[in-house]
């Protein structure tokens, strides 16, 4: 079962189910949020990324925490790599981790909410 999916609505609005996790990787909350399609296009076009070799027992949420300092941007890694089901990723697969500055730039250029959560943790 996928933990990330989108549904298209009229006039190109995109709704995303975003899961929030605690520091142990346990799901604590589900939210259906609107993500501006401009942000999605800009994230898809990010040029700078860092390679990461997937190992057994990895998960997107922990990668988000390790690279961005929080778990809330896991969907950026998932979307950027076209991952629908993280449990189908085979060990040794290279995952592209988008550059933090370019993520912030994508949000700024699209006029969306600033990803001020980069480098911070969400307290529960």
N, C-alpha and C. Protein backbone atom coordinates (compact mmCIF):
# COMPACT_ATOMS: atom_id res chain seq x y z
N UNK A 1 0.83 -1.18 0.00
CA UNK A 1 0.00 0.00 0.00
C UNK A 1 0.87 1.24 0.00
N UNK A 2 0.57 2.18 -0.85
CA UNK A 2 1.34 3.41 -0.96
C UNK A 2 0.98 4.37 0.16
N UNK A 3 1.98 5.07 0.67
CA UNK A 3 1.72 6.07 1.70
C UNK A 3 1.68 7.47 1.10
N UNK A 4 1.81 7.57 -0.23
CA UNK A 4 1.85 8.86 -0.88
C UNK A 4 1.10 8.76 -2.19
N UNK A 5 0.10 9.56 -2.36
CA UNK A 5 -0.61 9.55 -3.62
C UNK A 5 -1.24 10.91 -3.85
N UNK A 6 -1.63 11.16 -5.07
CA UNK A 6 -2.29 12.43 -5.34
C UNK A 6 -3.58 12.18 -6.09
N UNK A 7 -4.50 13.08 -5.91
CA UNK A 7 -5.75 13.04 -6.64
C UNK A 7 -5.89 14.37 -7.33
N UNK A 8 -6.19 14.33 -8.62
CA UNK A 8 -6.38 15.57 -9.37
C UNK A 8 -7.81 16.06 -9.19
N UNK A 9 -7.94 17.32 -8.94
CA UNK A 9 -9.24 17.95 -8.81
C UNK A 9 -9.40 18.97 -9.92
N UNK A 10 -10.59 19.50 -10.05
CA UNK A 10 -10.86 20.49 -11.09
C UNK A 10 -9.88 21.66 -11.01
N UNK A 11 -9.57 22.21 -12.16
CA UNK A 11 -8.70 23.38 -12.30
C UNK A 11 -7.29 23.11 -11.81
N UNK A 12 -6.81 21.90 -11.97
CA UNK A 12 -5.42 21.52 -11.71
C UNK A 12 -4.99 21.65 -10.25
N UNK A 13 -5.92 21.53 -9.36
CA UNK A 13 -5.55 21.51 -7.94
C UNK A 13 -5.09 20.10 -7.60
N UNK A 14 -4.08 19.99 -6.79
CA UNK A 14 -3.57 18.70 -6.39
C UNK A 14 -3.68 18.56 -4.89
N UNK A 15 -4.31 17.48 -4.46
CA UNK A 15 -4.40 17.19 -3.05
C UNK A 15 -3.46 16.04 -2.76
N UNK A 16 -2.72 16.12 -1.70
CA UNK A 16 -1.77 15.08 -1.32
C UNK A 16 -2.09 14.60 0.09
N UNK A 17 -1.99 13.32 0.29
CA UNK A 17 -2.07 12.79 1.64
C UNK A 17 -0.66 12.79 2.19
N UNK A 18 -0.45 13.54 3.23
CA UNK A 18 0.86 13.64 3.86
C UNK A 18 0.77 12.99 5.23
N UNK A 19 1.70 12.11 5.49
CA UNK A 19 1.75 11.44 6.78
C UNK A 19 2.82 12.10 7.63
N UNK A 20 2.53 12.31 8.89
CA UNK A 20 3.51 12.85 9.82
C UNK A 20 3.95 11.73 10.75
N UNK A 21 5.23 11.71 11.05
CA UNK A 21 5.83 10.65 11.85
C UNK A 21 6.56 11.23 13.04
N UNK A 22 6.65 10.44 14.10
CA UNK A 22 7.47 10.85 15.24
C UNK A 22 8.92 10.48 14.96
N UNK A 23 9.82 10.79 15.89
CA UNK A 23 11.25 10.55 15.67
C UNK A 23 11.60 9.07 15.55
N UNK A 24 10.70 8.19 15.97
CA UNK A 24 10.93 6.75 15.84
C UNK A 24 10.37 6.18 14.55
N UNK A 25 9.78 7.04 13.71
CA UNK A 25 9.23 6.58 12.44
C UNK A 25 7.81 6.06 12.54
N UNK A 26 7.16 6.26 13.68
CA UNK A 26 5.77 5.82 13.84
C UNK A 26 4.82 6.89 13.31
N UNK A 27 3.83 6.46 12.54
CA UNK A 27 2.86 7.39 11.99
C UNK A 27 2.05 8.00 13.13
N UNK A 28 1.92 9.34 13.11
CA UNK A 28 1.16 10.00 14.16
C UNK A 28 -0.04 10.76 13.62
N UNK A 29 -0.01 11.11 12.34
CA UNK A 29 -1.11 11.91 11.82
C UNK A 29 -1.15 11.84 10.30
N UNK A 30 -2.35 11.88 9.74
CA UNK A 30 -2.54 11.97 8.30
C UNK A 30 -3.20 13.30 8.01
N UNK A 31 -2.73 13.97 6.96
CA UNK A 31 -3.33 15.24 6.57
C UNK A 31 -3.50 15.23 5.07
N UNK A 32 -4.61 15.73 4.62
CA UNK A 32 -4.83 15.95 3.21
C UNK A 32 -4.56 17.42 2.96
N UNK A 33 -3.54 17.72 2.18
CA UNK A 33 -3.16 19.11 1.97
C UNK A 33 -3.15 19.44 0.48
N UNK A 34 -3.26 20.71 0.18
CA UNK A 34 -3.17 21.19 -1.18
C UNK A 34 -1.72 21.54 -1.45
N UNK A 35 -1.17 21.01 -2.53
CA UNK A 35 0.18 21.37 -2.94
C UNK A 35 0.07 22.04 -4.30
N UNK A 36 0.56 23.25 -4.38
CA UNK A 36 0.53 24.03 -5.59
C UNK A 36 1.24 23.26 -6.71
N UNK A 37 0.58 23.03 -7.84
CA UNK A 37 1.22 22.32 -8.96
C UNK A 37 2.51 22.99 -9.43
N UNK A 38 2.63 24.33 -9.24
CA UNK A 38 3.87 25.01 -9.61
C UNK A 38 5.04 24.50 -8.78
N UNK A 39 4.77 24.24 -7.51
CA UNK A 39 5.82 23.72 -6.63
C UNK A 39 6.23 22.32 -7.11
N UNK A 40 5.25 21.50 -7.44
CA UNK A 40 5.55 20.15 -7.91
C UNK A 40 6.40 20.19 -9.18
N UNK A 41 6.05 21.07 -10.12
CA UNK A 41 6.84 21.19 -11.36
C UNK A 41 8.27 21.63 -11.06
N UNK A 42 8.42 22.58 -10.16
CA UNK A 42 9.76 23.07 -9.84
C UNK A 42 10.58 22.02 -9.10
N UNK A 43 9.93 21.28 -8.23
CA UNK A 43 10.65 20.21 -7.53
C UNK A 43 11.11 19.15 -8.53
N UNK A 44 10.25 18.81 -9.46
CA UNK A 44 10.60 17.82 -10.50
C UNK A 44 11.81 18.27 -11.31
N UNK A 45 11.98 19.60 -11.46
CA UNK A 45 13.07 20.14 -12.29
C UNK A 45 14.32 20.52 -11.51
N UNK A 46 14.41 20.16 -10.25
CA UNK A 46 15.62 20.43 -9.46
C UNK A 46 16.80 19.73 -10.11
N UNK A 47 17.90 20.47 -10.28
CA UNK A 47 19.09 19.93 -10.96
C UNK A 47 20.12 19.35 -9.99
N UNK A 48 20.24 19.94 -8.81
CA UNK A 48 21.27 19.50 -7.86
C UNK A 48 20.70 18.47 -6.90
N UNK A 49 21.36 17.35 -6.82
CA UNK A 49 20.93 16.31 -5.91
C UNK A 49 22.14 15.50 -5.48
N UNK A 50 21.96 14.79 -4.42
CA UNK A 50 23.01 13.96 -3.85
C UNK A 50 22.57 12.51 -3.95
N UNK A 51 23.44 11.61 -4.42
CA UNK A 51 23.04 10.21 -4.52
C UNK A 51 23.04 9.52 -3.16
N UNK A 52 22.12 8.63 -2.98
CA UNK A 52 22.06 7.81 -1.77
C UNK A 52 21.75 6.38 -2.19
N UNK A 53 22.52 5.44 -1.72
CA UNK A 53 22.30 4.03 -2.05
C UNK A 53 21.39 3.39 -1.00
N UNK A 54 20.21 2.99 -1.44
CA UNK A 54 19.18 2.40 -0.57
C UNK A 54 19.71 1.11 0.04
N UNK A 55 19.52 0.96 1.35
CA UNK A 55 19.89 -0.29 2.01
C UNK A 55 18.64 -0.93 2.63
N UNK A 56 18.74 -2.19 2.93
CA UNK A 56 17.62 -2.91 3.53
C UNK A 56 17.18 -2.18 4.80
N UNK A 57 15.89 -2.08 5.01
CA UNK A 57 15.28 -1.42 6.17
C UNK A 57 15.30 0.10 6.11
N UNK A 58 15.75 0.71 5.00
CA UNK A 58 15.63 2.16 4.86
C UNK A 58 14.17 2.54 4.71
N UNK A 59 13.86 3.79 4.99
CA UNK A 59 12.54 4.32 4.67
C UNK A 59 12.68 5.80 4.35
N UNK A 60 11.75 6.30 3.56
CA UNK A 60 11.79 7.67 3.08
C UNK A 60 11.75 8.68 4.22
N UNK A 61 11.00 8.38 5.25
CA UNK A 61 10.88 9.30 6.39
C UNK A 61 12.23 9.48 7.07
N UNK A 62 12.94 8.39 7.30
CA UNK A 62 14.24 8.52 7.96
C UNK A 62 15.25 9.23 7.06
N UNK A 63 15.15 9.04 5.74
CA UNK A 63 16.03 9.78 4.83
C UNK A 63 15.76 11.27 4.93
N UNK A 64 14.48 11.63 4.99
CA UNK A 64 14.11 13.03 5.14
C UNK A 64 14.71 13.61 6.42
N UNK A 65 14.60 12.87 7.50
CA UNK A 65 15.16 13.34 8.77
C UNK A 65 16.68 13.46 8.68
N UNK A 66 17.34 12.46 8.10
CA UNK A 66 18.80 12.46 8.02
C UNK A 66 19.35 13.57 7.13
N UNK A 67 18.68 13.87 6.02
CA UNK A 67 19.20 14.86 5.08
C UNK A 67 18.66 16.27 5.31
N UNK A 68 17.42 16.39 5.83
CA UNK A 68 16.82 17.70 6.00
C UNK A 68 16.60 18.10 7.45
N UNK A 69 16.82 17.18 8.38
CA UNK A 69 16.67 17.50 9.79
C UNK A 69 15.24 17.41 10.30
N UNK A 70 14.32 16.90 9.49
CA UNK A 70 12.93 16.73 9.90
C UNK A 70 12.28 15.67 9.01
N UNK A 71 11.10 15.27 9.36
CA UNK A 71 10.41 14.23 8.60
C UNK A 71 9.36 14.77 7.65
N UNK A 72 9.07 16.06 7.69
CA UNK A 72 7.94 16.59 6.93
C UNK A 72 8.18 16.70 5.43
N UNK A 73 9.43 16.63 4.99
CA UNK A 73 9.70 16.76 3.55
C UNK A 73 9.96 15.41 2.88
N UNK A 74 9.52 14.33 3.52
CA UNK A 74 9.70 13.01 2.90
C UNK A 74 9.05 12.95 1.53
N UNK A 75 7.92 13.65 1.36
CA UNK A 75 7.19 13.60 0.10
C UNK A 75 8.00 14.21 -1.05
N UNK A 76 8.94 15.14 -0.74
CA UNK A 76 9.79 15.73 -1.78
C UNK A 76 10.70 14.65 -2.36
N UNK A 77 11.33 13.87 -1.49
CA UNK A 77 12.19 12.77 -1.95
C UNK A 77 11.37 11.77 -2.74
N UNK A 78 10.21 11.43 -2.23
CA UNK A 78 9.35 10.45 -2.87
C UNK A 78 8.89 10.95 -4.24
N UNK A 79 8.43 12.17 -4.33
CA UNK A 79 7.95 12.74 -5.58
C UNK A 79 9.08 12.90 -6.58
N UNK A 80 10.22 13.42 -6.14
CA UNK A 80 11.38 13.66 -7.01
C UNK A 80 11.87 12.38 -7.67
N UNK A 81 11.79 11.28 -6.94
CA UNK A 81 12.26 10.00 -7.45
C UNK A 81 11.15 9.16 -8.09
N UNK A 82 9.92 9.65 -8.07
CA UNK A 82 8.81 8.91 -8.65
C UNK A 82 8.49 7.63 -7.89
N UNK A 83 8.72 7.66 -6.59
CA UNK A 83 8.48 6.48 -5.75
C UNK A 83 7.01 6.43 -5.35
N UNK A 84 6.38 5.33 -5.66
CA UNK A 84 4.99 5.14 -5.25
C UNK A 84 4.94 4.28 -3.99
N UNK A 85 5.73 3.23 -3.97
CA UNK A 85 5.75 2.33 -2.82
C UNK A 85 7.19 2.09 -2.41
N UNK A 86 7.60 2.67 -1.29
CA UNK A 86 8.99 2.54 -0.85
C UNK A 86 9.38 1.10 -0.52
N UNK A 87 8.39 0.26 -0.28
CA UNK A 87 8.70 -1.13 0.07
C UNK A 87 9.08 -1.96 -1.15
N UNK A 88 8.96 -1.38 -2.32
CA UNK A 88 9.37 -2.06 -3.55
C UNK A 88 10.77 -1.68 -3.99
N UNK A 89 11.42 -0.76 -3.26
CA UNK A 89 12.77 -0.33 -3.62
C UNK A 89 13.76 -1.42 -3.20
N UNK A 90 14.59 -1.82 -4.14
CA UNK A 90 15.57 -2.88 -3.87
C UNK A 90 16.86 -2.28 -3.31
N UNK A 91 17.49 -2.96 -2.35
CA UNK A 91 18.77 -2.49 -1.83
C UNK A 91 19.76 -2.26 -2.98
N UNK A 92 20.52 -1.18 -2.87
CA UNK A 92 21.49 -0.82 -3.90
C UNK A 92 20.95 0.17 -4.90
N UNK A 93 19.63 0.40 -4.89
CA UNK A 93 19.04 1.38 -5.79
C UNK A 93 19.51 2.78 -5.38
N UNK A 94 19.90 3.59 -6.36
CA UNK A 94 20.33 4.96 -6.06
C UNK A 94 19.10 5.86 -5.98
N UNK A 95 18.97 6.54 -4.84
CA UNK A 95 17.91 7.50 -4.59
C UNK A 95 18.54 8.88 -4.70
N UNK A 96 17.87 9.79 -5.40
CA UNK A 96 18.35 11.16 -5.54
C UNK A 96 17.76 12.01 -4.42
N UNK A 97 18.63 12.64 -3.64
CA UNK A 97 18.20 13.52 -2.55
C UNK A 97 18.33 14.96 -3.04
N UNK A 98 17.20 15.63 -3.31
CA UNK A 98 17.25 17.00 -3.83
C UNK A 98 17.95 17.96 -2.86
N UNK A 99 18.68 18.91 -3.45
CA UNK A 99 19.41 19.90 -2.68
C UNK A 99 18.46 20.81 -1.89
N UNK A 100 18.80 21.05 -0.65
CA UNK A 100 17.98 21.87 0.25
C UNK A 100 17.74 23.27 -0.31
N UNK A 101 18.80 23.90 -0.82
CA UNK A 101 18.65 25.26 -1.35
C UNK A 101 17.70 25.29 -2.54
N UNK A 102 17.76 24.25 -3.37
CA UNK A 102 16.88 24.22 -4.53
C UNK A 102 15.43 23.93 -4.13
N UNK A 103 15.23 23.18 -3.06
CA UNK A 103 13.86 22.97 -2.56
C UNK A 103 13.30 24.31 -2.11
N UNK A 104 14.07 25.05 -1.33
CA UNK A 104 13.62 26.37 -0.86
C UNK A 104 13.35 27.29 -2.04
N UNK A 105 14.23 27.26 -3.04
CA UNK A 105 14.06 28.09 -4.23
C UNK A 105 12.78 27.70 -4.98
N UNK A 106 12.50 26.40 -5.08
CA UNK A 106 11.29 25.93 -5.75
C UNK A 106 10.05 26.48 -5.06
N UNK A 107 10.03 26.46 -3.75
CA UNK A 107 8.90 27.01 -3.00
C UNK A 107 8.79 28.52 -3.21
N UNK A 108 9.93 29.21 -3.16
CA UNK A 108 9.93 30.67 -3.34
C UNK A 108 9.42 31.07 -4.72
N UNK A 109 9.94 30.41 -5.76
CA UNK A 109 9.56 30.74 -7.13
C UNK A 109 8.10 30.44 -7.42
N UNK A 110 7.58 29.41 -6.79
CA UNK A 110 6.19 29.03 -7.02
C UNK A 110 5.22 29.86 -6.18
N UNK A 111 5.75 30.67 -5.29
CA UNK A 111 4.89 31.51 -4.46
C UNK A 111 4.16 30.71 -3.39
N UNK A 112 4.69 29.55 -3.05
CA UNK A 112 4.05 28.71 -2.04
C UNK A 112 4.58 29.00 -0.66
N UNK A 113 4.04 28.28 0.29
CA UNK A 113 4.50 28.41 1.68
C UNK A 113 5.97 28.03 1.74
N UNK A 114 6.71 28.78 2.48
CA UNK A 114 8.15 28.52 2.60
C UNK A 114 8.37 27.24 3.40
N UNK A 115 9.31 26.41 2.95
CA UNK A 115 9.59 25.18 3.70
C UNK A 115 10.51 25.47 4.88
N UNK A 116 10.03 26.29 5.80
CA UNK A 116 10.84 26.72 6.94
C UNK A 116 11.14 25.55 7.87
N UNK A 117 10.50 24.41 7.61
CA UNK A 117 10.75 23.25 8.46
C UNK A 117 12.07 22.57 8.15
N UNK A 118 12.74 22.97 7.07
CA UNK A 118 14.03 22.37 6.75
C UNK A 118 15.01 22.68 7.87
N UNK A 119 15.64 21.65 8.39
CA UNK A 119 16.62 21.81 9.43
C UNK A 119 16.05 21.91 10.83
N UNK A 120 14.74 21.71 10.95
CA UNK A 120 14.14 21.74 12.28
C UNK A 120 13.40 20.43 12.51
N UNK A 121 13.09 20.16 13.73
CA UNK A 121 12.32 18.96 14.03
C UNK A 121 10.93 19.36 14.48
N UNK A 122 10.00 18.51 14.23
CA UNK A 122 8.62 18.77 14.63
C UNK A 122 8.42 18.14 16.00
N UNK A 123 8.11 18.96 16.99
CA UNK A 123 7.90 18.40 18.32
C UNK A 123 6.47 17.91 18.47
N UNK A 124 6.33 16.78 19.11
CA UNK A 124 5.04 16.14 19.28
C UNK A 124 4.60 16.30 20.73
